Amino acid sequence: MSNSPGLPVDPDLPESLVSSQEDTVLLDADLESQSITGVDWSGRDARGLRLSESILRSTSLDECSLERAHLRDVVILDGSWANVTGADASFNRVRFERVRLTGAAFAASRLDNVAFVDCRLDLSSFRFSQLELVRFERCRMAGSDFYEAQLDSVMFAGCDLAETILTGATFAGSEMRGCDLSGVKSPERLSGVRMPWMDVMRIAGELASGIGIEILEE
């Protein structure tokens, strides 16, 4: 029997941080060892941003452009990243807690050692992305999109995954526990995922439909 996915490595933060201001230039910026609190960067152009060894508290990046951004050793607490666009972005040793990411689009991105805890990720997109050692814990993810995504050592624990799109997705060494998978699209792509028996029974109808079994009325 395969092992459960390992825990993502926590971000490595320095002992001292410097405060970042709201008017900081973000386009192709290189920000390191930053303490960013209560800043509103909504709608800003942050393409190519390189942010490392930093912590963000109660910040707003709603509708921010994060294409080609690279975040390494970053903690994000509270705040909102709704409708952020981050195609071809990279996240390495990043932790999100209680962050609203409704409609966030991280297409063709790379997530390595990333944790989402108590976050809203409904209608979010990870199309064509690569996720390795990623943990989603108690997240609201209804309608999220993993089309053609590669998920390796990914854990979903206590998440709402209703109506999630899994078309073309591939899983390896991954696990789901206590998740709502009602109405999931392309449930046959769950092949190889570890799941408690009671969870399997709850989505028996979706699984049967996914592999072409016709259910007979007794």
Protein backbone atom coordinates (compact mmCIF):
# COMPACT_ATOMS: atom_id res chain seq x y z
CA MET A 1 0.00 0.00 0.00
CA SER A 2 1.28 3.46 -0.87
CA ASN A 3 2.10 5.97 1.84
CA SER A 4 0.14 9.13 2.61
CA PRO A 5 1.51 12.35 1.10
CA GLY A 6 4.15 14.03 3.22
CA LEU A 7 3.65 17.44 4.78
CA PRO A 8 4.86 20.45 2.78
CA VAL A 9 8.06 22.01 4.08
CA ASP A 10 7.32 25.20 6.04
CA PRO A 11 8.57 28.54 4.71
CA ASP A 12 12.00 29.54 6.05
CA LEU A 13 11.74 33.12 7.34
CA PRO A 14 14.59 35.33 8.60
CA GLU A 15 14.61 36.68 12.16
CA SER A 16 14.20 40.31 11.03
CA LEU A 17 11.97 41.76 8.34
CA VAL A 18 11.58 45.21 6.82
CA SER A 19 8.22 46.89 6.24
CA SER A 20 6.97 47.26 2.69
CA GLN A 21 4.85 50.23 1.59
CA GLU A 22 1.68 50.39 -0.47
CA ASP A 23 3.39 52.33 -3.26
CA THR A 24 6.13 49.73 -3.74
CA VAL A 25 6.84 49.00 -7.41
CA LEU A 26 5.82 45.40 -8.11
CA LEU A 27 6.46 44.89 -11.83
CA ASP A 28 9.55 42.66 -12.16
CA ALA A 29 10.46 43.68 -8.58
CA ASP A 30 12.78 41.66 -6.34
CA LEU A 31 11.50 41.88 -2.74
CA GLU A 32 13.18 39.97 0.07
CA SER A 33 12.70 39.75 3.86
CA GLN A 34 9.53 41.87 3.77
CA SER A 35 6.82 42.32 6.40
CA ILE A 36 3.72 43.42 4.50
CA THR A 37 0.68 44.25 6.64
CA GLY A 38 -2.67 45.74 5.64
CA VAL A 39 -1.44 46.79 2.21
CA ASP A 40 -3.89 47.14 -0.70
CA TRP A 41 -2.26 46.04 -3.96
CA SER A 42 -5.58 45.33 -5.71
CA GLY A 43 -5.40 45.53 -9.48
CA ARG A 44 -1.66 46.15 -9.49
CA ASP A 45 0.70 44.87 -12.18
CA ALA A 46 3.02 42.44 -10.39
CA ARG A 47 4.14 40.41 -13.39
CA GLY A 48 7.56 38.90 -12.85
CA LEU A 49 7.52 39.74 -9.12
CA ARG A 50 10.10 37.81 -7.07
CA LEU A 51 9.08 37.70 -3.40
CA SER A 52 11.09 35.67 -0.91
CA GLU A 53 11.47 35.11 2.84
CA SER A 54 8.50 37.36 3.61
CA ILE A 55 5.18 37.45 5.44
CA LEU A 56 1.94 39.09 4.26
CA ARG A 57 -0.82 39.86 6.77
CA SER A 58 -4.31 41.05 5.81
CA THR A 59 -3.21 42.23 2.38
CA SER A 60 -5.39 42.63 -0.70
CA LEU A 61 -4.20 41.48 -4.11
CA ASP A 62 -7.64 41.25 -5.69
CA GLU A 63 -7.40 41.19 -9.50
CA CYS A 64 -3.64 41.61 -9.28
CA SER A 65 -1.54 40.38 -12.23
CA LEU A 66 1.02 37.83 -11.02
CA GLU A 67 2.05 36.23 -14.30
CA ARG A 68 5.57 34.77 -14.09
CA ALA A 69 5.78 35.70 -10.40
CA HIS A 70 8.02 33.61 -8.15
CA LEU A 71 7.22 33.28 -4.43
CA ARG A 72 9.66 31.41 -2.21
CA ASP A 73 9.54 31.03 1.58
CA VAL A 74 6.43 33.21 1.99
CA VAL A 75 3.62 33.11 4.55
CA ILE A 76 0.27 34.72 3.63
CA LEU A 77 -2.20 35.22 6.50
CA ASP A 78 -5.77 36.47 6.01
CA GLY A 79 -6.55 39.01 3.28
CA SER A 80 -7.94 38.51 -0.22
CA TRP A 81 -6.44 37.39 -3.53
CA ALA A 82 -9.78 37.11 -5.35
CA ASN A 83 -9.52 36.90 -9.15
CA VAL A 84 -5.74 37.19 -9.09
CA THR A 85 -4.17 36.02 -12.37
CA GLY A 86 -0.94 34.10 -12.03
CA ALA A 87 -0.24 32.15 -15.22
CA ASP A 88 3.22 30.56 -15.34
CA ALA A 89 3.85 31.50 -11.69
CA SER A 90 6.00 29.54 -9.24
CA PHE A 91 5.29 28.91 -5.55
CA ASN A 92 7.95 27.19 -3.44
CA ARG A 93 7.57 26.72 0.34
CA VAL A 94 4.52 28.99 0.56
CA ARG A 95 1.74 28.83 3.15
CA PHE A 96 -1.72 30.41 2.75
CA GLU A 97 -3.99 30.64 5.81
CA ARG A 98 -7.53 32.06 5.84
CA VAL A 99 -7.01 33.75 2.47
CA ARG A 100 -9.85 34.37 0.02
CA LEU A 101 -8.72 33.19 -3.43
CA THR A 102 -12.11 33.00 -5.14
CA GLY A 103 -11.59 32.91 -8.91
CA ALA A 104 -7.80 32.90 -8.66
CA ALA A 105 -6.20 31.64 -11.88
CA PHE A 106 -2.84 29.86 -11.62
CA ALA A 107 -2.80 28.22 -15.04
CA ALA A 108 0.43 26.47 -16.10
CA SER A 109 1.99 27.23 -12.74
CA ARG A 110 4.30 25.25 -10.48
CA LEU A 111 3.43 24.65 -6.79
CA ASP A 112 6.06 22.89 -4.71
CA ASN A 113 5.69 22.49 -0.92
CA VAL A 114 2.61 24.70 -0.65
CA ALA A 115 -0.16 24.63 1.98
CA PHE A 116 -3.66 26.14 1.79
CA VAL A 117 -5.39 26.10 5.19
CA ASP A 118 -8.94 27.38 5.78
CA CYS A 119 -8.90 29.18 2.44
CA ARG A 120 -11.57 29.95 -0.12
CA LEU A 121 -10.57 28.60 -3.51
CA ASP A 122 -13.99 28.33 -5.12
CA LEU A 123 -13.89 28.75 -8.91
CA SER A 124 -10.09 28.81 -8.78
CA SER A 125 -8.06 27.40 -11.66
CA PHE A 126 -4.95 25.21 -11.70
CA ARG A 127 -5.28 24.20 -15.35
CA PHE A 128 -2.11 22.61 -16.80
CA SER A 129 -0.31 23.22 -13.47
CA GLN A 130 2.12 20.97 -11.61
CA LEU A 131 1.45 20.43 -7.90
CA GLU A 132 3.93 18.51 -5.76
CA LEU A 133 3.76 18.17 -1.97
CA VAL A 134 0.72 20.44 -1.74
CA ARG A 135 -1.86 20.31 1.06
CA PHE A 136 -5.42 21.68 0.91
CA GLU A 137 -6.94 21.62 4.39
CA ARG A 138 -10.53 22.68 5.19
CA CYS A 139 -10.73 24.71 1.98
CA ARG A 140 -13.86 25.71 0.06
CA MET A 141 -13.03 24.67 -3.50
CA ALA A 142 -16.40 24.20 -5.21
CA GLY A 143 -16.09 24.59 -8.95
CA SER A 144 -12.29 24.61 -8.95
CA ASP A 145 -10.54 23.54 -12.14
CA PHE A 146 -7.66 21.04 -12.37
CA TYR A 147 -7.92 20.42 -16.12
CA GLU A 148 -4.78 18.55 -17.33
CA ALA A 149 -3.04 19.28 -14.01
CA GLN A 150 -0.39 16.95 -12.58
CA LEU A 151 -0.82 16.28 -8.86
CA ASP A 152 1.96 14.43 -7.06
CA SER A 153 1.82 13.88 -3.28
CA VAL A 154 -1.19 16.18 -2.87
CA MET A 155 -3.53 15.97 0.14
CA PHE A 156 -7.12 17.23 0.25
CA ALA A 157 -8.44 17.10 3.84
CA GLY A 158 -11.95 18.22 4.74
CA CYS A 159 -12.40 20.24 1.54
CA ASP A 160 -15.50 21.13 -0.47
CA LEU A 161 -14.67 19.87 -3.98
CA ALA A 162 -18.21 19.85 -5.35
CA GLU A 163 -18.38 20.31 -9.13
CA THR A 164 -14.58 20.34 -9.37
CA ILE A 165 -13.20 19.72 -12.87
CA LEU A 166 -10.68 16.87 -13.08
CA THR A 167 -10.71 16.31 -16.83
CA GLY A 168 -7.26 15.16 -17.96
CA ALA A 169 -5.81 15.46 -14.44
CA THR A 170 -3.33 12.84 -13.20
CA PHE A 171 -2.72 11.87 -9.57
CA ALA A 172 0.26 10.12 -7.98
CA GLY A 173 0.79 9.45 -4.28
CA SER A 174 -2.20 11.65 -3.42
CA GLU A 175 -5.02 11.36 -0.90
CA MET A 176 -8.50 12.76 -0.17
CA ARG A 177 -10.15 12.55 3.24
CA GLY A 178 -13.54 13.87 4.31
CA CYS A 179 -14.10 15.82 1.09
CA ASP A 180 -17.35 16.66 -0.68
CA LEU A 181 -16.92 15.39 -4.25
CA SER A 182 -20.55 15.61 -5.32
CA GLY A 183 -20.92 16.40 -8.99
CA VAL A 184 -17.19 16.17 -9.65
CA LYS A 185 -16.36 16.24 -13.36
CA SER A 186 -14.43 13.28 -14.85
CA PRO A 187 -14.38 11.25 -11.59
CA GLU A 188 -12.50 8.45 -13.37
CA ARG A 189 -9.39 10.68 -13.14
CA LEU A 190 -9.32 9.91 -9.40
CA SER A 191 -7.58 6.66 -10.28
CA GLY A 192 -4.68 6.11 -7.88
CA VAL A 193 -5.99 8.46 -5.17
CA ARG A 194 -6.12 7.07 -1.61
CA MET A 195 -9.52 7.61 0.03
CA PRO A 196 -11.36 6.19 3.09
CA TRP A 197 -14.01 3.61 2.23
CA MET A 198 -16.89 5.75 3.53
CA ASP A 199 -15.76 8.61 1.28
CA VAL A 200 -15.73 6.24 -1.70
CA MET A 201 -19.27 5.11 -0.90
CA ARG A 202 -20.50 8.71 -0.86
CA ILE A 203 -19.43 9.24 -4.48
CA ALA A 204 -20.28 5.76 -5.75
CA GLY A 205 -22.75 7.22 -8.23
CA GLU A 206 -20.21 9.63 -9.71
CA LEU A 207 -17.57 6.89 -9.94
CA ALA A 208 -19.99 4.47 -11.62
CA SER A 209 -21.01 7.10 -14.15
CA GLY A 210 -17.38 7.98 -14.80
CA ILE A 211 -16.46 4.46 -15.86
CA GLY A 212 -19.70 3.86 -17.79
CA ILE A 213 -21.66 1.67 -15.35
CA GLU A 214 -25.42 1.91 -15.85
CA ILE A 215 -27.26 1.89 -12.53
CA LEU A 216 -30.40 -0.31 -12.51
CA GLU A 217 -33.44 0.54 -10.46
CA GLU A 218 -34.22 -2.37 -8.11
